Amino acid sequence: MDGAQALAAVGVPAEQEAGTAQPSGAYRPGYELVAEQILQLIVESQLRPGDRMPTENELAARLGTSRTVVREAVKILSAIGRVRALDPATMRDLLGRDARADAVLSIRPWVVTGVQVEVADPADRTPYWVVATRRPTELATALRTLAPRADGDEPDKRSPGEDR
């Protein structure tokens, strides 16, 4: 499946604004929102290692943003560290007693499972992202396909239940 087909399969409208998902009063940079939308695209399109991602131009047109914002979102995604799927108990602990104030949370109160993504970029002080999803295993698998390995080889191809 190529990038244009992936976008069409997900049905992302060309006029969708990158900033429409944020709640009123809470500012988040556009590249963070676009990074989440790209991850959603990967999961919903069921992209696997070796599948072609949409080009920056295609993503920008579909997400209603600039290539610059898409490029920054891709930089965020390239700094992906350890990825793990979270069951309801672990998710509750990570958002409660084990929470860190400097973490980025993209959660929905009605979704009880998620994925934790450690940030591997030394220039970024954010320790990790927590993303709520009803399909944590699939999202973790998609993220692992994007994560560059330390030795520079191909992306990780571990089974969905394995942590890095």
Protein backbone atom coordinates (compact mmCIF):
# COMPACT_ATOMS: atom_id res chain seq x y z
CA MET A 1 0.00 0.00 0.00
CA ASP A 2 1.52 3.35 -0.94
CA GLY A 3 1.14 6.64 0.93
CA ALA A 4 -1.75 8.06 -1.11
CA GLN A 5 -3.71 4.84 -0.71
CA ALA A 6 -3.05 4.84 3.03
CA LEU A 7 -4.47 8.34 3.37
CA ALA A 8 -7.50 7.48 1.27
CA ALA A 9 -8.09 4.26 3.22
CA VAL A 10 -8.20 6.16 6.49
CA GLY A 11 -10.44 8.80 4.99
CA VAL A 12 -8.57 11.79 6.37
CA PRO A 13 -10.28 14.78 4.78
CA ALA A 14 -8.02 17.21 2.98
CA GLU A 15 -9.53 20.17 4.80
CA GLN A 16 -9.03 18.73 8.30
CA GLU A 17 -7.22 21.20 10.52
CA ALA A 18 -4.29 19.88 12.53
CA GLY A 19 -5.33 21.88 15.59
CA THR A 20 -8.99 20.90 15.86
CA ALA A 21 -8.34 18.02 18.27
CA GLN A 22 -7.08 20.12 21.15
CA PRO A 23 -9.39 21.20 23.96
CA SER A 24 -10.07 24.89 24.35
CA GLY A 25 -7.50 26.72 26.44
CA ALA A 26 -4.82 24.01 26.23
CA TYR A 27 -2.10 24.94 23.75
CA ARG A 28 -0.14 22.21 22.03
CA PRO A 29 2.23 22.79 19.13
CA GLY A 30 0.84 21.78 15.76
CA TYR A 31 3.65 19.32 15.14
CA GLU A 32 2.62 17.31 18.24
CA LEU A 33 -0.94 17.09 16.96
CA VAL A 34 0.24 16.10 13.50
CA ALA A 35 2.54 13.42 14.99
CA GLU A 36 -0.49 11.90 16.72
CA GLN A 37 -2.45 12.02 13.48
CA ILE A 38 0.39 10.29 11.63
CA LEU A 39 0.44 7.52 14.25
CA GLN A 40 -3.32 7.18 13.91
CA LEU A 41 -2.89 6.90 10.14
CA ILE A 42 -0.33 4.11 10.56
CA VAL A 43 -2.60 2.13 12.87
CA GLU A 44 -5.80 2.62 10.91
CA SER A 45 -4.11 1.87 7.59
CA GLN A 46 -2.50 -1.22 9.10
CA LEU A 47 0.87 -0.25 7.65
CA ARG A 48 3.62 -2.81 8.21
CA PRO A 49 7.40 -2.62 7.96
CA GLY A 50 8.34 -2.00 4.36
CA ASP A 51 5.05 -0.29 3.43
CA ARG A 52 5.44 3.16 1.95
CA MET A 53 4.44 6.11 4.06
CA PRO A 54 2.74 9.07 2.41
CA THR A 55 5.09 11.82 1.29
CA GLU A 56 5.41 15.04 3.28
CA ASN A 57 3.36 16.83 0.60
CA GLU A 58 0.56 14.22 0.75
CA LEU A 59 0.45 14.33 4.55
CA ALA A 60 0.46 18.13 4.60
CA ALA A 61 -2.41 18.32 2.11
CA ARG A 62 -4.51 15.73 3.92
CA LEU A 63 -3.89 17.09 7.41
CA GLY A 64 -4.37 20.71 6.37
CA THR A 65 -0.96 21.86 7.52
CA SER A 66 2.40 22.81 6.06
CA ARG A 67 5.27 20.54 5.06
CA THR A 68 7.33 22.19 7.78
CA VAL A 69 4.89 21.04 10.47
CA VAL A 70 4.83 17.53 8.97
CA ARG A 71 8.63 17.48 8.91
CA GLU A 72 8.76 18.44 12.62
CA ALA A 73 6.20 15.73 13.43
CA VAL A 74 8.35 13.16 11.63
CA LYS A 75 11.36 14.33 13.68
CA ILE A 76 9.37 13.65 16.85
CA LEU A 77 8.47 10.19 15.61
CA SER A 78 12.10 9.47 14.76
CA ALA A 79 13.03 10.09 18.42
CA ILE A 80 10.91 7.18 19.57
CA GLY A 81 12.52 5.17 22.34
CA ARG A 82 11.14 2.19 24.22
CA VAL A 83 7.50 1.42 23.41
CA ARG A 84 5.13 -0.62 25.55
CA ALA A 85 1.45 -1.44 25.45
CA LEU A 86 -0.39 -0.60 28.69
CA ASP A 87 -3.12 -2.74 30.20
CA PRO A 88 -5.84 -0.98 32.28
CA ALA A 89 -4.02 -1.41 35.63
CA THR A 90 -0.67 -0.17 34.31
CA MET A 91 -2.37 2.72 32.51
CA ARG A 92 -4.15 3.72 35.74
CA ASP A 93 -0.88 3.61 37.70
CA LEU A 94 1.02 5.57 35.06
CA LEU A 95 -1.63 8.30 35.04
CA GLY A 96 -1.99 8.26 38.83
CA ARG A 97 0.61 7.32 41.41
CA ASP A 98 3.47 6.89 38.91
CA ALA A 99 2.68 10.02 36.88
CA ARG A 100 5.35 12.54 35.91
CA ALA A 101 4.39 16.17 35.50
CA ASP A 102 6.69 16.62 32.50
CA ALA A 103 5.17 13.77 30.46
CA VAL A 104 2.95 14.41 27.44
CA LEU A 105 -0.50 12.83 27.78
CA SER A 106 -2.94 12.25 24.95
CA ILE A 107 -5.70 10.50 26.82
CA ARG A 108 -9.44 10.01 26.74
CA PRO A 109 -11.09 9.19 30.09
CA TRP A 110 -13.28 6.50 28.55
CA VAL A 111 -10.32 4.62 27.02
CA VAL A 112 -8.63 2.49 29.70
CA THR A 113 -5.68 1.11 27.71
CA GLY A 114 -2.83 2.87 25.97
CA VAL A 115 0.79 2.99 24.90
CA GLN A 116 3.78 4.55 26.62
CA VAL A 117 6.50 5.87 24.32
CA GLU A 118 9.78 6.94 25.87
CA VAL A 119 11.43 9.92 24.20
CA ALA A 120 14.97 9.06 23.11
CA ASP A 121 15.97 12.58 22.04
CA PRO A 122 18.53 13.95 24.54
CA ALA A 123 17.56 17.52 23.60
CA ASP A 124 13.95 16.90 24.64
CA ARG A 125 13.18 17.02 28.38
CA THR A 126 9.91 15.11 27.93
CA PRO A 127 10.46 11.66 29.46
CA TYR A 128 7.62 9.89 27.65
CA TRP A 129 4.26 10.17 25.93
CA VAL A 130 1.16 8.27 27.01
CA VAL A 131 -1.39 7.79 24.25
CA ALA A 132 -4.81 6.31 25.01
CA THR A 133 -5.96 3.75 22.49
CA ARG A 134 -8.38 0.86 22.38
CA ARG A 135 -5.82 -1.07 20.34
CA PRO A 136 -2.57 -0.72 22.32
CA THR A 137 -0.87 -3.78 20.85
CA GLU A 138 -1.44 -2.64 17.27
CA LEU A 139 -0.24 0.91 18.03
CA ALA A 140 2.85 -0.39 19.86
CA THR A 141 3.64 -2.60 16.87
CA ALA A 142 3.27 0.32 14.47
CA LEU A 143 5.53 2.48 16.61
CA ARG A 144 8.15 -0.22 16.85
CA THR A 145 8.28 -0.38 13.06
CA LEU A 146 9.18 3.31 13.02
CA ALA A 147 11.72 3.27 15.83
CA PRO A 148 15.31 3.31 14.58
CA ARG A 149 17.59 0.80 16.26
CA ALA A 150 20.72 1.99 18.03
CA ASP A 151 22.98 0.11 15.62
CA GLY A 152 21.41 1.86 12.61
CA ASP A 153 19.92 -1.32 11.13
CA GLU A 154 16.36 -1.82 9.98
CA PRO A 155 13.49 -0.93 12.34
CA ASP A 156 12.55 -3.36 15.08
CA LYS A 157 10.49 -6.38 13.95
CA ARG A 158 9.68 -7.93 17.34
CA SER A 159 6.39 -9.53 18.13
CA PRO A 160 3.58 -7.24 19.38
CA GLY A 161 3.85 -8.28 23.06
CA GLU A 162 7.59 -7.71 23.42
CA ASP A 163 9.04 -4.56 24.97
CA ARG A 164 12.23 -3.01 23.72
